[in-house]
PDB file of N, CA and C in Angstrom:
ATOM      1  N   UNK A   1      71.156  94.202 122.239  1.00  0.00           N
ATOM      2  CA  UNK A   1      72.332  94.288 122.790  1.00  0.00           C
ATOM      3  C   UNK A   1      72.517  95.586 123.373  1.00  0.00           C
ATOM      4  N   UNK A   2      71.668  96.518 124.236  1.00  0.00           N
ATOM      5  CA  UNK A   2      71.536  97.660 124.656  1.00  0.00           C
ATOM      6  C   UNK A   2      73.150  98.221 124.536  1.00  0.00           C
ATOM      7  N   UNK A   3      73.791  99.249 124.212  1.00  0.00           N
ATOM      8  CA  UNK A   3      74.854 100.183 124.800  1.00  0.00           C
ATOM      9  C   UNK A   3      75.861  99.243 123.428  1.00  0.00           C
ATOM     10  N   UNK A   4      75.505  98.390 122.381  1.00  0.00           N
ATOM     11  CA  UNK A   4      76.240  98.231 121.804  1.00  0.00           C
ATOM     12  C   UNK A   4      76.246  99.652 120.230  1.00  0.00           C
ATOM     13  N   UNK A   5      77.244  99.831 120.183  1.00  0.00           N
ATOM     14  CA  UNK A   5      77.392 100.940 118.870  1.00  0.00           C
ATOM     15  C   UNK A   5      78.774 100.741 118.373  1.00  0.00           C
ATOM     16  N   UNK A   6      78.673 101.526 116.999  1.00  0.00           N
ATOM     17  CA  UNK A   6      79.896 101.421 115.697  1.00  0.00           C
ATOM     18  C   UNK A   6      79.790 102.688 116.475  1.00  0.00           C
ATOM     19  N   UNK A   7      81.501 103.550 116.758  1.00  0.00           N
ATOM     20  CA  UNK A   7      82.191 104.317 116.103  1.00  0.00           C
ATOM     21  C   UNK A   7      82.375 104.830 114.779  1.00  0.00           C
ATOM     22  N   UNK A   8      82.622 106.147 115.101  1.00  0.00           N
ATOM     23  CA  UNK A   8      82.740 106.415 113.928  1.00  0.00           C
ATOM     24  C   UNK A   8      83.490 105.672 112.749  1.00  0.00           C
ATOM     25  N   UNK A   9      84.600 104.821 113.144  1.00  0.00           N
ATOM     26  CA  UNK A   9      85.357 104.226 112.753  1.00  0.00           C
ATOM     27  C   UNK A   9      84.352 102.702 111.981  1.00  0.00           C
ATOM     28  N   UNK A  10      83.391 102.626 112.337  1.00  0.00           N
ATOM     29  CA  UNK A  10      82.412 101.967 111.816  1.00  0.00           C
ATOM     30  C   UNK A  10      82.662 100.367 112.744  1.00  0.00           C
ATOM     31  N   UNK A  11      83.663 100.583 113.681  1.00  0.00           N
ATOM     32  CA  UNK A  11      83.625  99.096 114.273  1.00  0.00           C
ATOM     33  C   UNK A  11      82.850  99.037 115.596  1.00  0.00           C
ATOM     34  N   UNK A  12      82.063  97.722 115.684  1.00  0.00           N
ATOM     35  CA  UNK A  12      80.888  98.087 117.024  1.00  0.00           C
ATOM     36  C   UNK A  12      82.281  97.906 119.023  1.00  0.00           C
ATOM     37  N   UNK A  13      81.465  98.375 119.033  1.00  0.00           N
ATOM     38  CA  UNK A  13      82.104  98.329 120.879  1.00  0.00           C
ATOM     39  C   UNK A  13      80.822  98.733 121.926  1.00  0.00           C
ATOM     40  N   UNK A  14      81.353  98.922 123.097  1.00  0.00           N
ATOM     41  CA  UNK A  14      80.109  99.564 124.215  1.00  0.00           C
ATOM     42  C   UNK A  14      80.572 100.222 123.970  1.00  0.00           C
ATOM     43  N   UNK A  15      79.097 101.405 123.807  1.00  0.00           N
ATOM     44  CA  UNK A  15      79.530 103.156 124.098  1.00  0.00           C
ATOM     45  C   UNK A  15      80.300 103.504 125.577  1.00  0.00           C
ATOM     46  N   UNK A  16      81.173 104.316 125.645  1.00  0.00           N
ATOM     47  CA  UNK A  16      81.918 104.798 126.680  1.00  0.00           C
ATOM     48  C   UNK A  16      83.383 103.666 127.176  1.00  0.00           C
ATOM     49  N   UNK A  17      82.941 102.768 126.558  1.00  0.00           N
ATOM     50  CA  UNK A  17      84.404 102.277 126.690  1.00  0.00           C
ATOM     51  C   UNK A  17      85.319 101.821 125.791  1.00  0.00           C
ATOM     52  N   UNK A  18      86.732 102.000 126.031  1.00  0.00           N
ATOM     53  CA  UNK A  18      87.708 102.786 125.330  1.00  0.00           C
ATOM     54  C   UNK A  18      88.461 101.927 124.555  1.00  0.00           C
ATOM     55  N   UNK A  19      88.160 100.542 125.507  1.00  0.00           N
ATOM     56  CA  UNK A  19      89.311  99.491 124.487  1.00  0.00           C
ATOM     57  C   UNK A  19      88.197  98.335 124.377  1.00  0.00           C
ATOM     58  N   UNK A  20      88.546  97.466 122.812  1.00  0.00           N
ATOM     59  CA  UNK A  20      87.717  96.717 122.129  1.00  0.00           C
ATOM     60  C   UNK A  20      88.857  95.363 122.476  1.00  0.00           C
ATOM     61  N   UNK A  21      88.280  94.202 122.137  1.00  0.00           N
ATOM     62  CA  UNK A  21      88.990  93.242 122.647  1.00  0.00           C
ATOM     63  C   UNK A  21      88.724  92.108 121.084  1.00  0.00           C
ATOM     64  N   UNK A  22      89.534  91.650 120.887  1.00  0.00           N
ATOM     65  CA  UNK A  22      88.898  91.000 119.446  1.00  0.00           C
ATOM     66  C   UNK A  22      90.017  89.389 119.578  1.00  0.00           C
ATOM     67  N   UNK A  23      89.388  88.439 119.272  1.00  0.00           N
ATOM     68  CA  UNK A  23      90.236  87.318 118.905  1.00  0.00           C
ATOM     69  C   UNK A  23      90.766  87.163 117.750  1.00  0.00           C
ATOM     70  N   UNK A  24      91.895  86.655 117.265  1.00  0.00           N
ATOM     71  CA  UNK A  24      92.375  86.557 116.257  1.00  0.00           C
ATOM     72  C   UNK A  24      91.954  84.705 115.563  1.00  0.00           C
ATOM     73  N   UNK A  25      91.430  85.104 114.547  1.00  0.00           N
ATOM     74  CA  UNK A  25      91.005  83.249 113.828  1.00  0.00           C
ATOM     75  C   UNK A  25      91.816  83.554 112.662  1.00  0.00           C
ATOM     76  N   UNK A  26      91.681  82.287 112.066  1.00  0.00           N
ATOM     77  CA  UNK A  26      92.142  81.745 110.661  1.00  0.00           C
ATOM     78  C   UNK A  26      91.393  82.901 109.486  1.00  0.00           C
ATOM     79  N   UNK A  27      90.539  83.017 109.627  1.00  0.00           N
ATOM     80  CA  UNK A  27      89.638  84.214 108.556  1.00  0.00           C
ATOM     81  C   UNK A  27      89.791  85.425 108.852  1.00  0.00           C
ATOM     82  N   UNK A  28      90.138  85.670 109.781  1.00  0.00           N
ATOM     83  CA  UNK A  28      90.809  87.506 110.504  1.00  0.00           C
ATOM     84  C   UNK A  28      90.090  87.756 112.022  1.00  0.00           C
ATOM     85  N   UNK A  29      89.786  88.593 112.397  1.00  0.00           N
ATOM     86  CA  UNK A  29      89.326  88.837 114.105  1.00  0.00           C
ATOM     87  C   UNK A  29      88.040  88.885 113.664  1.00  0.00           C
ATOM     88  N   UNK A  30      87.544  88.537 115.240  1.00  0.00           N
ATOM     89  CA  UNK A  30      86.120  88.489 115.750  1.00  0.00           C
ATOM     90  C   UNK A  30      86.264  89.223 117.091  1.00  0.00           C
ATOM     91  N   UNK A  31      85.203  90.654 117.211  1.00  0.00           N
ATOM     92  CA  UNK A  31      85.410  91.440 118.398  1.00  0.00           C
ATOM     93  C   UNK A  31      84.367  90.350 119.699  1.00  0.00           C
ATOM     94  N   UNK A  32      84.873  90.042 120.209  1.00  0.00           N
ATOM     95  CA  UNK A  32      84.501  89.586 121.879  1.00  0.00           C
ATOM     96  C   UNK A  32      84.513  90.503 123.025  1.00  0.00           C
ATOM     97  N   UNK A  33      84.128  91.920 122.881  1.00  0.00           N
ATOM     98  CA  UNK A  33      83.902  92.573 123.801  1.00  0.00           C
ATOM     99  C   UNK A  33      84.598  94.004 123.775  1.00  0.00           C
ATOM    100  N   UNK A  34      84.330  94.829 125.078  1.00  0.00           N
ATOM    101  CA  UNK A  34      85.104  96.005 125.433  1.00  0.00           C
ATOM    102  C   UNK A  34      85.430  96.138 126.843  1.00  0.00           C
ATOM    103  N   UNK A  35      86.269  96.821 127.240  1.00  0.00           N
ATOM    104  CA  UNK A  35      87.306  97.250 128.384  1.00  0.00           C
ATOM    105  C   UNK A  35      87.274  98.787 128.702  1.00  0.00           C
ATOM    106  N   UNK A  36      87.140  98.721 130.082  1.00  0.00           N
ATOM    107  CA  UNK A  36      87.350 100.266 130.496  1.00  0.00           C
ATOM    108  C   UNK A  36      88.978 100.573 130.526  1.00  0.00           C
ATOM    109  N   UNK A  37      89.550  99.799 131.223  1.00  0.00           N
ATOM    110  CA  UNK A  37      90.615  99.445 131.134  1.00  0.00           C
ATOM    111  C   UNK A  37      91.499  98.352 130.880  1.00  0.00           C
ATOM    112  N   UNK A  38      92.808  98.531 131.018  1.00  0.00           N
ATOM    113  CA  UNK A  38      93.532  97.244 129.865  1.00  0.00           C
ATOM    114  C   UNK A  38      93.662  96.159 131.041  1.00  0.00           C
ATOM    115  N   UNK A  39      94.151  96.678 132.606  1.00  0.00           N
ATOM    116  CA  UNK A  39      93.913  95.179 133.480  1.00  0.00           C
ATOM    117  C   UNK A  39      92.530  94.601 132.889  1.00  0.00           C
ATOM    118  N   UNK A  40      91.217  95.304 132.819  1.00  0.00           N
ATOM    119  CA  UNK A  40      89.921  94.543 133.196  1.00  0.00           C
ATOM    120  C   UNK A  40      89.873  94.016 131.556  1.00  0.00           C
ATOM    121  N   UNK A  41      90.588  94.323 130.400  1.00  0.00           N
ATOM    122  CA  UNK A  41      90.806  93.784 129.336  1.00  0.00           C
ATOM    123  C   UNK A  41      91.677  92.525 129.211  1.00  0.00           C
ATOM    124  N   UNK A  42      92.287  92.161 130.059  1.00  0.00           N
ATOM    125  CA  UNK A  42      93.527  90.912 129.817  1.00  0.00           C
ATOM    126  C   UNK A  42      92.983  90.000 131.101  1.00  0.00           C
ATOM    127  N   UNK A  43      92.180  90.804 132.146  1.00  0.00           N
ATOM    128  CA  UNK A  43      91.254  89.833 132.817  1.00  0.00           C
ATOM    129  C   UNK A  43      90.142  89.301 131.592  1.00  0.00           C
ATOM    130  N   UNK A  44      89.776  89.718 131.104  1.00  0.00           N
ATOM    131  CA  UNK A  44      88.486  89.075 129.850  1.00  0.00           C
ATOM    132  C   UNK A  44      89.505  87.980 129.071  1.00  0.00           C
ATOM    133  N   UNK A  45      90.562  88.542 128.949  1.00  0.00           N
ATOM    134  CA  UNK A  45      90.615  87.654 127.360  1.00  0.00           C
ATOM    135  C   UNK A  45      91.349  86.790 128.060  1.00  0.00           C
ATOM    136  N   UNK A  46      91.914  86.592 129.289  1.00  0.00           N
ATOM    137  CA  UNK A  46      92.104  85.377 130.614  1.00  0.00           C
ATOM    138  C   UNK A  46      90.720  84.174 130.619  1.00  0.00           C
ATOM    139  N   UNK A  47      89.904  84.824 130.820  1.00  0.00           N
ATOM    140  CA  UNK A  47      88.780  84.355 130.875  1.00  0.00           C
ATOM    141  C   UNK A  47      88.077  83.608 129.792  1.00  0.00           C
ATOM    142  N   UNK A  48      88.284  84.526 128.298  1.00  0.00           N
ATOM    143  CA  UNK A  48      87.727  83.768 126.788  1.00  0.00           C
ATOM    144  C   UNK A  48      89.027  82.384 126.481  1.00  0.00           C
ATOM    145  N   UNK A  49      90.152  82.554 127.139  1.00  0.00           N
ATOM    146  CA  UNK A  49      91.924  82.290 126.587  1.00  0.00           C
ATOM    147  C   UNK A  49      91.337  80.860 127.099  1.00  0.00           C
ATOM    148  N   UNK A  50      90.677  80.633 128.433  1.00  0.00           N
ATOM    149  CA  UNK A  50      90.675  79.683 128.899  1.00  0.00           C
ATOM    150  C   UNK A  50      89.829  78.781 128.133  1.00  0.00           C
ATOM    151  N   UNK A  51      88.648  78.956 127.362  1.00  0.00           N
ATOM    152  CA  UNK A  51      87.801  78.399 126.491  1.00  0.00           C
ATOM    153  C   UNK A  51      88.199  78.116 125.351  1.00  0.00           C
ATOM    154  N   UNK A  52      88.849  79.181 124.959  1.00  0.00           N
ATOM    155  CA  UNK A  52      89.420  78.971 123.685  1.00  0.00           C
ATOM    156  C   UNK A  52      90.552  79.856 123.248  1.00  0.00           C
ATOM    157  N   UNK A  53      91.900  79.260 123.120  1.00  0.00           N
ATOM    158  CA  UNK A  53      92.836  79.484 123.229  1.00  0.00           C
ATOM    159  C   UNK A  53      93.188  80.132 122.033  1.00  0.00           C
ATOM    160  N   UNK A  54      93.774  81.382 121.748  1.00  0.00           N
ATOM    161  CA  UNK A  54      94.570  81.739 120.550  1.00  0.00           C
ATOM    162  C   UNK A  54      94.999  83.327 120.934  1.00  0.00           C
ATOM    163  N   UNK A  55      95.167  83.649 120.096  1.00  0.00           N
ATOM    164  CA  UNK A  55      95.670  85.230 119.849  1.00  0.00           C
ATOM    165  C   UNK A  55      94.434  85.948 120.299  1.00  0.00           C
ATOM    166  N   UNK A  56      94.449  86.953 121.002  1.00  0.00           N
ATOM    167  CA  UNK A  56      93.895  88.598 121.331  1.00  0.00           C
ATOM    168  C   UNK A  56      94.320  89.450 120.512  1.00  0.00           C
ATOM    169  N   UNK A  57      93.188  90.475 120.253  1.00  0.00           N
ATOM    170  CA  UNK A  57      94.332  91.777 120.557  1.00  0.00           C
ATOM    171  C   UNK A  57      93.614  93.214 121.442  1.00  0.00           C
ATOM    172  N   UNK A  58      93.909  93.662 121.999  1.00  0.00           N
ATOM    173  CA  UNK A  58      93.288  94.688 122.669  1.00  0.00           C
ATOM    174  C   UNK A  58      93.931  96.086 121.911  1.00  0.00           C
ATOM    175  N   UNK A  59      92.521  96.494 121.559  1.00  0.00           N
ATOM    176  CA  UNK A  59      92.660  97.908 120.797  1.00  0.00           C
ATOM    177  C   UNK A  59      91.797  99.184 121.823  1.00  0.00           C
ATOM    178  N   UNK A  60      92.983 100.088 121.782  1.00  0.00           N
ATOM    179  CA  UNK A  60      92.481 101.232 122.112  1.00  0.00           C
ATOM    180  C   UNK A  60      92.025 102.330 121.155  1.00  0.00           C
ATOM    181  N   UNK A  61      90.354 102.931 121.045  1.00  0.00           N
ATOM    182  CA  UNK A  61      89.700 103.207 119.675  1.00  0.00           C
ATOM    183  C   UNK A  61      89.894 105.010 119.885  1.00  0.00           C
ATOM    184  N   UNK A  62      90.449 105.375 121.198  1.00  0.00           N
ATOM    185  CA  UNK A  62      91.000 106.806 121.237  1.00  0.00           C
ATOM    186  C   UNK A  62      92.238 106.956 120.256  1.00  0.00           C
ATOM    187  N   UNK A  63      93.456 105.725 121.010  1.00  0.00           N
ATOM    188  CA  UNK A  63      94.856 106.093 120.580  1.00  0.00           C
ATOM    189  C   UNK A  63      94.985 105.320 119.133  1.00  0.00           C
ATOM    190  N   UNK A  64      94.200 104.439 119.165  1.00  0.00           N
ATOM    191  CA  UNK A  64      94.638 103.459 117.740  1.00  0.00           C
ATOM    192  C   UNK A  64      95.699 102.282 118.446  1.00  0.00           C
ATOM    193  N   UNK A  65      96.273 102.423 119.407  1.00  0.00           N
ATOM    194  CA  UNK A  65      97.323 101.344 119.625  1.00  0.00           C
ATOM    195  C   UNK A  65      96.578 100.260 120.053  1.00  0.00           C
ATOM    196  N   UNK A  66      97.904  99.069 119.465  1.00  0.00           N
ATOM    197  CA  UNK A  66      96.939  97.690 119.265  1.00  0.00           C
ATOM    198  C   UNK A  66      98.468  97.060 120.222  1.00  0.00           C
ATOM    199  N   UNK A  67      97.679  96.007 121.265  1.00  0.00           N
ATOM    200  CA  UNK A  67      98.488  95.157 121.782  1.00  0.00           C
ATOM    201  C   UNK A  67      97.953  93.924 121.850  1.00  0.00           C
ATOM    202  N   UNK A  68      98.978  92.708 121.329  1.00  0.00           N
ATOM    203  CA  UNK A  68      98.503  91.638 121.148  1.00  0.00           C
ATOM    204  C   UNK A  68      99.070  90.376 122.552  1.00  0.00           C
ATOM    205  N   UNK A  69      97.949  89.990 122.839  1.00  0.00           N
ATOM    206  CA  UNK A  69      98.298  88.912 123.857  1.00  0.00           C
ATOM    207  C   UNK A  69      97.912  87.461 123.517  1.00  0.00           C
ATOM    208  N   UNK A  70      99.064  86.539 123.833  1.00  0.00           N
ATOM    209  CA  UNK A  70      99.180  85.162 123.518  1.00  0.00           C
ATOM    210  C   UNK A  70      98.682  84.398 124.241  1.00  0.00           C
ATOM    211  N   UNK A  71      97.153  83.900 124.051  1.00  0.00           N
ATOM    212  CA  UNK A  71      96.767  82.828 125.287  1.00  0.00           C
ATOM    213  C   UNK A  71      98.166  81.960 125.725  1.00  0.00           C
ATOM    214  N   UNK A  72      98.223  81.138 127.035  1.00  0.00           N
ATOM    215  CA  UNK A  72      99.095  80.401 127.574  1.00  0.00           C
ATOM    216  C   UNK A  72      99.296  78.797 126.873  1.00  0.00           C
ATOM    217  N   UNK A  73      97.828  78.478 126.249  1.00  0.00           N
ATOM    218  CA  UNK A  73      97.902  77.160 126.023  1.00  0.00           C
ATOM    219  C   UNK A  73      98.357  77.633 124.796  1.00  0.00           C
ATOM    220  N   UNK A  74      97.927  78.172 124.378  1.00  0.00           N
ATOM    221  CA  UNK A  74      98.961  78.325 122.549  1.00  0.00           C
ATOM    222  C   UNK A  74     100.025  78.475 122.832  1.00  0.00           C
ATOM    223  N   UNK A  75     100.626  79.484 123.317  1.00  0.00           N
ATOM    224  CA  UNK A  75     102.109  79.096 123.846  1.00  0.00           C
ATOM    225  C   UNK A  75     103.114  77.858 123.895  1.00  0.00           C
ATOM    226  N   UNK A  76     102.236  77.508 125.051  1.00  0.00           N
ATOM    227  CA  UNK A  76     102.716  75.835 125.548  1.00  0.00           C
ATOM    228  C   UNK A  76     102.794  74.744 124.486  1.00  0.00           C
ATOM    229  N   UNK A  77     101.517  74.721 123.799  1.00  0.00           N
ATOM    230  CA  UNK A  77     101.601  73.843 122.293  1.00  0.00           C
ATOM    231  C   UNK A  77     102.684  73.933 121.344  1.00  0.00           C
ATOM    232  N   UNK A  78     103.098  75.252 120.846  1.00  0.00           N
ATOM    233  CA  UNK A  78     103.943  75.921 120.049  1.00  0.00           C
ATOM    234  C   UNK A  78     105.515  75.494 120.810  1.00  0.00           C
ATOM    235  N   UNK A  79     105.889  75.823 122.542  1.00  0.00           N
ATOM    236  CA  UNK A  79     106.754  74.991 123.145  1.00  0.00           C
ATOM    237  C   UNK A  79     106.986  73.852 122.781  1.00  0.00           C
ATOM    238  N   UNK A  80     106.032  73.149 122.950  1.00  0.00           N
ATOM    239  CA  UNK A  80     105.936  71.777 122.703  1.00  0.00           C
ATOM    240  C   UNK A  80     106.513  71.026 121.196  1.00  0.00           C
ATOM    241  N   UNK A  81     105.796  71.554 120.371  1.00  0.00           N
ATOM    242  CA  UNK A  81     105.807  71.495 119.041  1.00  0.00           C
ATOM    243  C   UNK A  81     107.507  71.725 118.431  1.00  0.00           C
ATOM    244  N   UNK A  82     108.178  72.675 118.932  1.00  0.00           N
ATOM    245  CA  UNK A  82     109.728  73.192 118.696  1.00  0.00           C
ATOM    246  C   UNK A  82     110.444  71.831 119.641  1.00  0.00           C
ATOM    247  N   UNK A  83     110.026  71.482 120.778  1.00  0.00           N
ATOM    248  CA  UNK A  83     110.412  70.546 121.435  1.00  0.00           C
ATOM    249  C   UNK A  83     110.845  69.191 120.529  1.00  0.00           C
ATOM    250  N   UNK A  84     109.695  68.945 120.212  1.00  0.00           N
ATOM    251  CA  UNK A  84     109.199  67.326 119.489  1.00  0.00           C
ATOM    252  C   UNK A  84     110.409  67.633 118.347  1.00  0.00           C
ATOM    253  N   UNK A  85     110.387  69.096 117.851  1.00  0.00           N
ATOM    254  CA  UNK A  85     111.227  68.778 116.230  1.00  0.00           C
ATOM    255  C   UNK A  85     112.367  68.241 116.129  1.00  0.00           C
TER     256      UNK A  85
END
């Protein structure tokens, strides 16, 4: 994969793109790609979530900021479970 690099933090990413996208799984997180802007990252998560509903993390490797995005299908499942209780 051309452009895949490990930064100084040893996290893989696409060279030059500041935002990394991770999918949260039971055993940890899986890197799912990189984006140039927050809007691009959210759009990519929407694509990923349509096939694999999960929580996703957007991590800014320049600032260290993290944002968790919960996919709609997962939120709907949680809501229906609460309604059944």
